[in-house]
């Protein structure tokens, strides 16, 4: 997904919301900066995955949904590689 379609400021705000929602859903504690990063990168990852199946999400709502899905995927991947606490 191109962030230029919604603008960088909107991408940061929507990415932050998507990251925060994913953080709540996955019961994680990442912090506000990581929420924004997870939301934006997650939207890019999810859109790449969804486009392989012919699904295209557009606009701010599509960016929010894709950001949420992608952020959840990224949190799950991070948990797979994190060492268990001893």
C-alpha atoms as a PDB file:
ATOM      1  CA  UNK A   1       0.000   0.000   0.000  1.00  0.00           C
ATOM      2  CA  UNK A   2       1.289   3.420  -0.781  1.00  0.00           C
ATOM      3  CA  UNK A   3       1.316   5.772   2.161  1.00  0.00           C
ATOM      4  CA  UNK A   4       1.177   8.677  -0.296  1.00  0.00           C
ATOM      5  CA  UNK A   5      -2.448   7.738  -1.008  1.00  0.00           C
ATOM      6  CA  UNK A   6      -3.452   8.776   2.510  1.00  0.00           C
ATOM      7  CA  UNK A   7      -0.535  11.042   3.432  1.00  0.00           C
ATOM      8  CA  UNK A   8       2.338  10.534   5.835  1.00  0.00           C
ATOM      9  CA  UNK A   9       0.706  12.204   8.840  1.00  0.00           C
ATOM     10  CA  UNK A  10      -2.429  10.105   8.391  1.00  0.00           C
ATOM     11  CA  UNK A  11      -0.238   7.002   7.932  1.00  0.00           C
ATOM     12  CA  UNK A  12       1.475   7.696  11.257  1.00  0.00           C
ATOM     13  CA  UNK A  13      -1.823   8.284  13.073  1.00  0.00           C
ATOM     14  CA  UNK A  14      -3.614   5.304  11.522  1.00  0.00           C
ATOM     15  CA  UNK A  15      -0.504   3.137  11.925  1.00  0.00           C
ATOM     16  CA  UNK A  16      -0.379   4.060  15.607  1.00  0.00           C
ATOM     17  CA  UNK A  17      -4.022   3.142  16.073  1.00  0.00           C
ATOM     18  CA  UNK A  18      -3.586  -0.139  14.174  1.00  0.00           C
ATOM     19  CA  UNK A  19      -0.470  -0.982  16.206  1.00  0.00           C
ATOM     20  CA  UNK A  20      -2.233  -0.138  19.459  1.00  0.00           C
ATOM     21  CA  UNK A  21      -5.243  -2.296  18.534  1.00  0.00           C
ATOM     22  CA  UNK A  22      -2.908  -5.172  17.649  1.00  0.00           C
ATOM     23  CA  UNK A  23      -1.054  -4.658  20.923  1.00  0.00           C
ATOM     24  CA  UNK A  24      -4.334  -4.930  22.862  1.00  0.00           C
ATOM     25  CA  UNK A  25      -5.534  -7.920  20.828  1.00  0.00           C
ATOM     26  CA  UNK A  26      -2.243  -9.820  21.143  1.00  0.00           C
ATOM     27  CA  UNK A  27      -1.803  -8.801  24.805  1.00  0.00           C
ATOM     28  CA  UNK A  28       1.605  -7.313  24.147  1.00  0.00           C
ATOM     29  CA  UNK A  29       3.406  -4.302  25.594  1.00  0.00           C
ATOM     30  CA  UNK A  30       5.361  -2.548  22.862  1.00  0.00           C
ATOM     31  CA  UNK A  31       5.107   1.199  23.503  1.00  0.00           C
ATOM     32  CA  UNK A  32       3.789   4.036  21.367  1.00  0.00           C
ATOM     33  CA  UNK A  33       6.711   4.270  18.916  1.00  0.00           C
ATOM     34  CA  UNK A  34       6.655   0.523  18.254  1.00  0.00           C
ATOM     35  CA  UNK A  35       2.870   0.696  17.821  1.00  0.00           C
ATOM     36  CA  UNK A  36       3.297   3.247  15.030  1.00  0.00           C
ATOM     37  CA  UNK A  37       6.107   1.243  13.416  1.00  0.00           C
ATOM     38  CA  UNK A  38       4.165  -2.024  13.704  1.00  0.00           C
ATOM     39  CA  UNK A  39       1.050  -0.411  12.239  1.00  0.00           C
ATOM     40  CA  UNK A  40       2.838   1.094   9.237  1.00  0.00           C
ATOM     41  CA  UNK A  41       5.111  -1.873   8.507  1.00  0.00           C
ATOM     42  CA  UNK A  42       2.235  -4.221   9.259  1.00  0.00           C
ATOM     43  CA  UNK A  43       0.061  -2.471   6.678  1.00  0.00           C
ATOM     44  CA  UNK A  44       2.781  -2.914   4.070  1.00  0.00           C
ATOM     45  CA  UNK A  45       3.239  -6.602   4.963  1.00  0.00           C
ATOM     46  CA  UNK A  46      -0.492  -7.355   5.054  1.00  0.00           C
ATOM     47  CA  UNK A  47      -1.144  -5.564   1.769  1.00  0.00           C
ATOM     48  CA  UNK A  48       1.663  -7.535   0.117  1.00  0.00           C
ATOM     49  CA  UNK A  49       0.200 -10.806   1.433  1.00  0.00           C
ATOM     50  CA  UNK A  50      -3.384  -9.885   0.554  1.00  0.00           C
ATOM     51  CA  UNK A  51      -2.443  -8.726  -2.951  1.00  0.00           C
ATOM     52  CA  UNK A  52      -1.156 -12.254  -3.675  1.00  0.00           C
ATOM     53  CA  UNK A  53      -4.763 -13.391  -3.215  1.00  0.00           C
ATOM     54  CA  UNK A  54      -6.192 -10.521  -5.256  1.00  0.00           C
ATOM     55  CA  UNK A  55      -7.470  -8.555  -2.246  1.00  0.00           C
ATOM     56  CA  UNK A  56      -6.787  -4.814  -2.338  1.00  0.00           C
ATOM     57  CA  UNK A  57      -7.646  -2.585   0.622  1.00  0.00           C
ATOM     58  CA  UNK A  58      -7.718   1.147   0.007  1.00  0.00           C
ATOM     59  CA  UNK A  59      -8.327   4.340   1.939  1.00  0.00           C
ATOM     60  CA  UNK A  60      -7.861   4.976   5.618  1.00  0.00           C
ATOM     61  CA  UNK A  61     -10.129   2.104   6.711  1.00  0.00           C
ATOM     62  CA  UNK A  62      -8.280  -0.366   4.491  1.00  0.00           C
ATOM     63  CA  UNK A  63      -4.975   0.928   5.835  1.00  0.00           C
ATOM     64  CA  UNK A  64      -6.251   0.467   9.412  1.00  0.00           C
ATOM     65  CA  UNK A  65      -7.432  -3.095   8.735  1.00  0.00           C
ATOM     66  CA  UNK A  66      -4.236  -4.029   6.912  1.00  0.00           C
ATOM     67  CA  UNK A  67      -2.133  -2.399   9.638  1.00  0.00           C
ATOM     68  CA  UNK A  68      -3.946  -4.346  12.340  1.00  0.00           C
ATOM     69  CA  UNK A  69      -3.592  -7.664  10.511  1.00  0.00           C
ATOM     70  CA  UNK A  70       0.049  -7.039   9.661  1.00  0.00           C
ATOM     71  CA  UNK A  71       0.945  -5.855  13.163  1.00  0.00           C
ATOM     72  CA  UNK A  72      -0.616  -9.001  14.647  1.00  0.00           C
ATOM     73  CA  UNK A  73       1.453 -11.098  12.228  1.00  0.00           C
ATOM     74  CA  UNK A  74       4.635  -9.228  13.157  1.00  0.00           C
ATOM     75  CA  UNK A  75       3.967  -9.590  16.912  1.00  0.00           C
ATOM     76  CA  UNK A  76       3.383 -13.335  16.437  1.00  0.00           C
ATOM     77  CA  UNK A  77       6.640 -13.674  14.478  1.00  0.00           C
ATOM     78  CA  UNK A  78       8.531 -11.724  17.162  1.00  0.00           C
ATOM     79  CA  UNK A  79       7.132 -14.050  19.831  1.00  0.00           C
ATOM     80  CA  UNK A  80       8.380 -17.095  17.927  1.00  0.00           C
ATOM     81  CA  UNK A  81      11.953 -15.785  18.007  1.00  0.00           C
ATOM     82  CA  UNK A  82      11.924 -14.351  21.530  1.00  0.00           C
ATOM     83  CA  UNK A  83      13.741 -16.374  24.149  1.00  0.00           C
ATOM     84  CA  UNK A  84      11.480 -17.655  26.914  1.00  0.00           C
ATOM     85  CA  UNK A  85      12.004 -15.977  30.305  1.00  0.00           C
ATOM     86  CA  UNK A  86      13.837 -18.201  32.772  1.00  0.00           C
END
